[in-house]
Amino acid sequence: MTDTTVAKEKLAADFRSVMDDIDALSATTNKAEGEAAALRSRIRDRLDSAKERVIDAQHEAVERAKRAAGATDDYVHSHPWQAVGAAAAVGLAIGVLIGRR
């Protein structure tokens, strides 16, 4: 599994647990305020944790995009005619697909 897939699965699990806690909080309307406060605190902690993971995933995605852009830039400077040919082929393919409509 890729790091992105693992991060998405962890985020989904965090959000599921937060939603479970919210359901438990709504079920505690008849329970003592202490239990409700503890649930609120636990929800807040899990949301903070999920927020940190989202920020980490965002930073990782930005870094990967920068590395990919740098690698692409290096390749285009090393092989300019191949890059022009690839761009022309992609443009032709897009033109053909648009022309069929």
Protein backbone atom coordinates (compact mmCIF):
# COMPACT_ATOMS: atom_id res chain seq x y z
CA MET A 1 0.00 0.00 0.00
CA THR A 2 1.16 3.50 -0.67
CA ASP A 3 1.65 6.06 2.07
CA THR A 4 -1.30 8.04 0.74
CA THR A 5 -3.61 5.03 0.92
CA VAL A 6 -2.51 4.25 4.46
CA ALA A 7 -3.01 7.88 5.48
CA LYS A 8 -6.50 7.93 3.93
CA GLU A 9 -7.47 4.74 5.75
CA LYS A 10 -6.22 6.10 9.08
CA LEU A 11 -8.14 9.33 8.49
CA ALA A 12 -11.30 7.42 7.66
CA ALA A 13 -10.90 5.34 10.82
CA ASP A 14 -10.40 8.50 12.88
CA PHE A 15 -13.52 10.09 11.47
CA ARG A 16 -15.53 6.91 12.06
CA SER A 17 -14.43 6.88 15.68
CA VAL A 18 -15.30 10.57 16.03
CA MET A 19 -18.74 9.90 14.61
CA ASP A 20 -19.17 6.99 17.03
CA ASP A 21 -18.25 9.31 19.88
CA ILE A 22 -20.73 11.91 18.67
CA ASP A 23 -23.44 9.24 18.60
CA ALA A 24 -22.47 8.22 22.12
CA LEU A 25 -22.58 11.85 23.21
CA SER A 26 -26.08 12.29 21.86
CA ALA A 27 -27.09 9.08 23.63
CA THR A 28 -25.83 10.47 26.95
CA THR A 29 -28.41 13.23 27.21
CA ASN A 30 -29.86 11.45 30.24
CA LYS A 31 -26.47 10.65 31.77
CA ALA A 32 -24.43 12.77 34.11
CA GLU A 33 -22.69 15.91 32.89
CA GLY A 34 -19.31 14.41 33.79
CA GLU A 35 -19.66 11.65 31.26
CA ALA A 36 -20.81 14.09 28.58
CA ALA A 37 -17.85 16.36 29.31
CA ALA A 38 -15.47 13.41 29.05
CA LEU A 39 -16.99 12.43 25.71
CA ARG A 40 -16.69 16.02 24.45
CA SER A 41 -13.05 16.06 25.48
CA ARG A 42 -12.39 12.76 23.73
CA ILE A 43 -14.11 14.00 20.57
CA ARG A 44 -12.08 17.19 20.63
CA ASP A 45 -8.84 15.20 21.03
CA ARG A 46 -9.71 12.89 18.14
CA LEU A 47 -10.66 15.82 15.91
CA ASP A 48 -7.36 17.51 16.73
CA SER A 49 -5.52 14.31 15.88
CA ALA A 50 -7.39 13.96 12.60
CA LYS A 51 -6.66 17.60 11.77
CA GLU A 52 -2.94 17.02 12.34
CA ARG A 53 -3.01 13.98 10.06
CA VAL A 54 -4.78 15.97 7.34
CA ILE A 55 -2.12 18.67 7.60
CA ASP A 56 0.65 16.06 7.46
CA ALA A 57 -0.95 14.43 4.41
CA GLN A 58 -1.24 17.83 2.75
CA HIS A 59 2.44 18.58 3.36
CA GLU A 60 3.40 15.15 2.01
CA ALA A 61 1.31 15.69 -1.12
CA VAL A 62 2.89 19.11 -1.69
CA GLU A 63 6.38 17.64 -1.30
CA ARG A 64 5.59 14.83 -3.75
CA ALA A 65 4.21 17.33 -6.25
CA LYS A 66 7.35 19.46 -5.93
CA ARG A 67 9.58 16.42 -6.46
CA ALA A 68 7.53 15.37 -9.51
CA ALA A 69 7.67 18.89 -10.95
CA GLY A 70 11.43 19.01 -10.41
CA ALA A 71 11.90 15.62 -12.07
CA THR A 72 9.71 16.70 -14.99
CA ASP A 73 11.66 19.94 -15.36
CA ASP A 74 14.96 18.06 -15.36
CA TYR A 75 13.68 15.58 -17.95
CA VAL A 76 12.35 18.31 -20.24
CA HIS A 77 15.67 20.16 -20.08
CA SER A 78 17.57 16.93 -20.79
CA HIS A 79 15.28 15.72 -23.61
CA PRO A 80 13.53 18.75 -25.13
CA TRP A 81 12.51 17.15 -28.43
CA GLN A 82 11.04 14.10 -26.78
CA ALA A 83 9.04 16.39 -24.50
CA VAL A 84 7.77 18.37 -27.50
CA GLY A 85 6.79 15.13 -29.24
CA ALA A 86 4.96 13.84 -26.16
CA ALA A 87 3.12 17.16 -25.77
CA ALA A 88 2.13 17.08 -29.44
CA ALA A 89 0.84 13.52 -29.11
CA VAL A 90 -1.23 14.41 -26.05
CA GLY A 91 -2.58 17.50 -27.82
CA LEU A 92 -3.51 15.42 -30.86
CA ALA A 93 -5.27 12.83 -28.70
CA ILE A 94 -7.25 15.52 -26.89
CA GLY A 95 -8.13 17.14 -30.22
CA VAL A 96 -9.40 13.83 -31.60
CA LEU A 97 -11.50 13.19 -28.51
CA ILE A 98 -12.99 16.68 -28.60
CA GLY A 99 -13.60 16.42 -32.34
CA ARG A 100 -15.73 13.30 -31.91
CA ARG A 101 -18.36 15.17 -29.94
